[in-house]
Amino acid sequence: MGMTDHQVAERYSSVVSGILNELPIASRVAWLGQKHPSMAQDKFLYDSIMSGVNNDLNHTFYDLNNKEFEGSVKWDVHSGWNIDGYDLVLGLRVLYLCDSRKKLISNLKKICSKNDSVIFDFMTGNPMQMENKEVFVKKNNSQTILPFFDELYEGAYEVDPNHDDQVITLQHLNKSGIEIRNILTFRDSIKKRYYTLCEVKGGS
């Protein structure tokens, strides 16, 4: 677990814990990209959040490495997101795996239309200096999405994609009928990426 992960967990934990504590008792919560806690793997962020939760909720965990049993669903982020009937869908540190803006927008619309509340985080690429400008990129020709919500960042930046379906902006989301409510935006002090934790609304 790197220093960046600790910073992100520290910033997210109290905020997400508060959201979970505000839900009605017995609310249904879907965790996307989270292994079931019984597997005792990749639990750092989950444990950090749940340490501040005192609410009695029903949790279901969706991840590619999960096995199919109660509370655990095998789920591929690259598939169509057929997830519905939850009071809260929570996807943290998972969207960076997506490699198509168009497919992501389609899945976000679908999931927003079938659940009460949806919260995700968007992480920029790594900043690089190009011609005296700070530019966010995905290294090693990575095809995964490159969020760029420059209206929420402090300073002037640019973005340099590896393909034409990579960059996702607030304008792309708004034009598709998706509304983003910014909960928290910050820049980590290690890799200098921007993180935006937000509620996602809209869909058809």
Protein backbone atom coordinates (compact mmCIF):
# COMPACT_ATOMS: atom_id res chain seq x y z
CA MET A 1 0.00 0.00 0.00
CA GLY A 2 1.65 3.20 -1.19
CA MET A 3 1.66 6.62 0.40
CA THR A 4 -0.79 7.87 -2.23
CA ASP A 5 -3.30 5.18 -1.24
CA HIS A 6 -3.05 6.22 2.39
CA GLN A 7 -3.72 9.85 1.44
CA VAL A 8 -6.74 8.90 -0.64
CA ALA A 9 -8.13 6.65 2.11
CA GLU A 10 -7.65 9.40 4.67
CA ARG A 11 -9.57 11.92 2.55
CA TYR A 12 -12.34 9.55 1.49
CA SER A 13 -12.97 7.64 4.70
CA SER A 14 -14.75 10.16 6.90
CA VAL A 15 -16.81 11.49 3.98
CA VAL A 16 -18.01 8.08 2.80
CA SER A 17 -18.54 6.88 6.38
CA GLY A 18 -20.81 9.87 6.93
CA ILE A 19 -22.82 9.05 3.80
CA LEU A 20 -23.27 5.45 4.94
CA ASN A 21 -24.29 6.53 8.43
CA GLU A 22 -27.01 8.80 6.99
CA LEU A 23 -28.74 5.94 5.16
CA PRO A 24 -31.88 4.44 6.70
CA ILE A 25 -31.27 1.26 8.70
CA ALA A 26 -31.20 -1.90 6.55
CA SER A 27 -30.48 0.05 3.35
CA ARG A 28 -28.93 -1.96 0.52
CA VAL A 29 -25.39 -0.89 -0.49
CA ALA A 30 -23.49 -2.18 -3.53
CA TRP A 31 -19.69 -1.89 -3.48
CA LEU A 32 -18.30 -2.01 -7.03
CA GLY A 33 -14.75 -3.23 -7.51
CA GLN A 34 -14.53 -4.41 -3.90
CA LYS A 35 -13.64 -7.99 -3.02
CA HIS A 36 -15.83 -9.57 -0.37
CA PRO A 37 -14.30 -8.82 3.07
CA SER A 38 -14.19 -12.54 3.90
CA MET A 39 -11.46 -12.88 1.26
CA ALA A 40 -9.22 -10.62 3.37
CA GLN A 41 -7.73 -9.01 0.23
CA ASP A 42 -7.58 -5.35 -0.87
CA LYS A 43 -9.52 -4.25 2.20
CA PHE A 44 -7.54 -1.17 3.20
CA LEU A 45 -9.94 1.47 1.86
CA TYR A 46 -13.00 -0.56 2.78
CA ASP A 47 -11.78 -1.09 6.36
CA SER A 48 -10.87 2.60 6.68
CA ILE A 49 -14.39 3.59 5.67
CA MET A 50 -16.21 0.98 7.73
CA SER A 51 -14.26 1.84 10.88
CA GLY A 52 -16.41 4.97 11.06
CA VAL A 53 -19.73 3.33 10.20
CA ASN A 54 -22.16 2.49 13.02
CA ASN A 55 -25.19 1.87 10.84
CA ASP A 56 -26.82 -1.53 10.25
CA LEU A 57 -26.74 -1.92 6.45
CA ASN A 58 -26.94 -4.74 3.92
CA HIS A 59 -23.75 -4.83 1.82
CA THR A 60 -23.16 -6.62 -1.49
CA PHE A 61 -19.70 -6.73 -3.08
CA TYR A 62 -19.05 -6.76 -6.85
CA ASP A 63 -15.60 -7.69 -8.14
CA LEU A 64 -14.02 -9.80 -10.87
CA ASN A 65 -12.32 -12.02 -8.28
CA ASN A 66 -15.39 -12.60 -6.12
CA LYS A 67 -17.10 -15.96 -5.92
CA GLU A 68 -20.87 -16.27 -6.19
CA PHE A 69 -22.28 -16.58 -2.68
CA GLU A 70 -24.53 -14.45 -0.52
CA GLY A 71 -23.24 -10.87 -0.48
CA SER A 72 -20.66 -11.59 -3.17
CA VAL A 73 -21.05 -11.18 -6.94
CA LYS A 74 -18.51 -11.89 -9.68
CA TRP A 75 -18.50 -8.69 -11.77
CA ASP A 76 -16.41 -7.38 -14.64
CA VAL A 77 -16.14 -3.58 -14.92
CA HIS A 78 -15.83 -3.99 -18.71
CA SER A 79 -19.26 -5.65 -18.96
CA GLY A 80 -22.68 -4.02 -19.07
CA TRP A 81 -23.56 -2.94 -15.54
CA ASN A 82 -26.77 -4.79 -14.70
CA ILE A 83 -26.95 -3.66 -11.10
CA ASP A 84 -30.26 -2.42 -9.73
CA GLY A 85 -32.41 -1.99 -6.65
CA TYR A 86 -29.82 -0.50 -4.31
CA ASP A 87 -30.22 2.48 -2.00
CA LEU A 88 -26.56 3.33 -2.66
CA VAL A 89 -24.08 2.17 -5.29
CA LEU A 90 -20.52 2.97 -4.26
CA GLY A 91 -17.63 2.65 -6.71
CA LEU A 92 -14.24 3.76 -5.38
CA ARG A 93 -10.94 3.34 -7.24
CA VAL A 94 -12.64 1.30 -9.95
CA LEU A 95 -13.35 3.62 -12.90
CA TYR A 96 -9.64 3.89 -13.73
CA LEU A 97 -9.97 0.38 -15.19
CA CYS A 98 -12.50 1.48 -17.84
CA ASP A 99 -11.10 2.07 -21.32
CA SER A 100 -13.99 3.71 -23.19
CA ARG A 101 -15.69 7.01 -22.40
CA LYS A 102 -18.75 6.03 -24.44
CA LYS A 103 -19.20 2.70 -22.71
CA LEU A 104 -18.63 4.24 -19.29
CA ILE A 105 -21.26 6.92 -19.91
CA SER A 106 -23.70 4.24 -21.06
CA ASN A 107 -23.07 2.21 -17.90
CA LEU A 108 -23.34 5.28 -15.65
CA LYS A 109 -26.72 6.18 -17.19
CA LYS A 110 -27.93 2.62 -16.73
CA ILE A 111 -26.85 2.38 -13.12
CA CYS A 112 -28.23 5.81 -12.19
CA SER A 113 -31.64 4.94 -13.61
CA LYS A 114 -31.92 1.73 -11.58
CA ASN A 115 -30.63 2.77 -8.14
CA ASP A 116 -31.46 5.50 -5.64
CA SER A 117 -28.01 7.02 -5.17
CA VAL A 118 -24.71 6.50 -7.01
CA ILE A 119 -21.26 7.67 -5.87
CA PHE A 120 -18.00 7.25 -7.81
CA ASP A 121 -14.56 8.79 -7.85
CA PHE A 122 -12.66 9.97 -10.92
CA MET A 123 -8.85 10.13 -10.95
CA THR A 124 -6.75 12.05 -13.47
CA GLY A 125 -3.69 10.65 -15.15
CA ASN A 126 -0.17 11.56 -14.12
CA PRO A 127 1.00 15.14 -14.67
CA MET A 128 3.91 15.78 -17.02
CA GLN A 129 5.63 18.95 -18.21
CA MET A 130 5.12 19.49 -21.94
CA GLU A 131 6.20 22.75 -23.57
CA ASN A 132 6.02 24.59 -20.24
CA LYS A 133 2.52 23.27 -19.56
CA GLU A 134 1.35 20.76 -16.98
CA VAL A 135 -0.42 17.99 -18.90
CA PHE A 136 -2.26 14.94 -17.56
CA VAL A 137 -1.44 11.70 -19.40
CA LYS A 138 -1.78 7.95 -19.12
CA LYS A 139 1.69 6.45 -19.19
CA ASN A 140 2.90 3.49 -21.26
CA ASN A 141 0.19 4.07 -23.88
CA SER A 142 -2.48 2.97 -21.41
CA GLN A 143 -5.95 2.91 -22.99
CA THR A 144 -7.87 3.46 -19.74
CA ILE A 145 -10.05 6.55 -19.35
CA LEU A 146 -8.53 9.93 -18.60
CA PRO A 147 -10.92 12.04 -16.52
CA PHE A 148 -10.34 15.78 -16.86
CA PHE A 149 -12.66 17.93 -14.76
CA ASP A 150 -10.59 21.09 -15.08
CA GLU A 151 -13.37 23.30 -13.68
CA LEU A 152 -12.76 21.64 -10.32
CA TYR A 153 -8.95 21.87 -10.31
CA GLU A 154 -6.82 24.68 -8.93
CA GLY A 155 -4.67 25.94 -11.79
CA ALA A 156 -4.51 25.62 -15.56
CA TYR A 157 -3.86 22.20 -17.06
CA GLU A 158 -4.19 20.30 -20.30
CA VAL A 159 -4.75 16.66 -21.20
CA ASP A 160 -3.02 14.45 -23.79
CA PRO A 161 -5.00 11.27 -24.64
CA ASN A 162 -3.77 8.06 -26.26
CA HIS A 163 -7.03 7.50 -28.20
CA ASP A 164 -10.16 9.46 -29.09
CA ASP A 165 -12.48 7.64 -26.66
CA GLN A 166 -10.26 8.17 -23.62
CA VAL A 167 -10.87 11.64 -22.16
CA ILE A 168 -14.04 12.19 -20.14
CA THR A 169 -15.03 15.71 -19.06
CA LEU A 170 -17.93 17.31 -17.23
CA GLN A 171 -19.16 18.51 -20.62
CA HIS A 172 -19.29 14.93 -21.95
CA LEU A 173 -21.31 13.88 -18.92
CA ASN A 174 -23.66 16.87 -18.99
CA LYS A 175 -24.40 16.44 -22.70
CA SER A 176 -25.36 12.83 -22.07
CA GLY A 177 -27.82 13.83 -19.36
CA ILE A 178 -25.60 12.92 -16.43
CA GLU A 179 -25.22 15.39 -13.58
CA ILE A 180 -22.18 15.39 -11.31
CA ARG A 181 -22.44 16.75 -7.77
CA ASN A 182 -18.93 17.32 -6.48
CA ILE A 183 -18.51 15.99 -2.94
CA LEU A 184 -14.74 16.30 -2.66
CA THR A 185 -11.91 17.24 -5.06
CA PHE A 186 -8.28 17.22 -3.99
CA ARG A 187 -4.76 16.66 -5.30
CA ASP A 188 -2.47 14.12 -3.67
CA SER A 189 1.00 15.29 -2.64
CA ILE A 190 2.86 12.23 -3.99
CA LYS A 191 1.86 11.63 -7.62
CA LYS A 192 0.06 14.98 -7.99
CA ARG A 193 -3.11 13.48 -9.42
CA TYR A 194 -6.52 15.06 -8.89
CA TYR A 195 -9.30 12.98 -7.34
CA THR A 196 -12.98 13.86 -7.53
CA LEU A 197 -15.47 12.04 -5.32
CA CYS A 198 -18.97 12.78 -6.55
CA GLU A 199 -22.60 11.82 -6.67
CA VAL A 200 -23.71 10.85 -10.16
CA LYS A 201 -27.30 11.50 -11.22
CA GLY A 202 -29.21 11.04 -14.46
CA GLY A 203 -29.91 8.20 -16.80
CA SER A 204 -32.81 7.10 -18.90
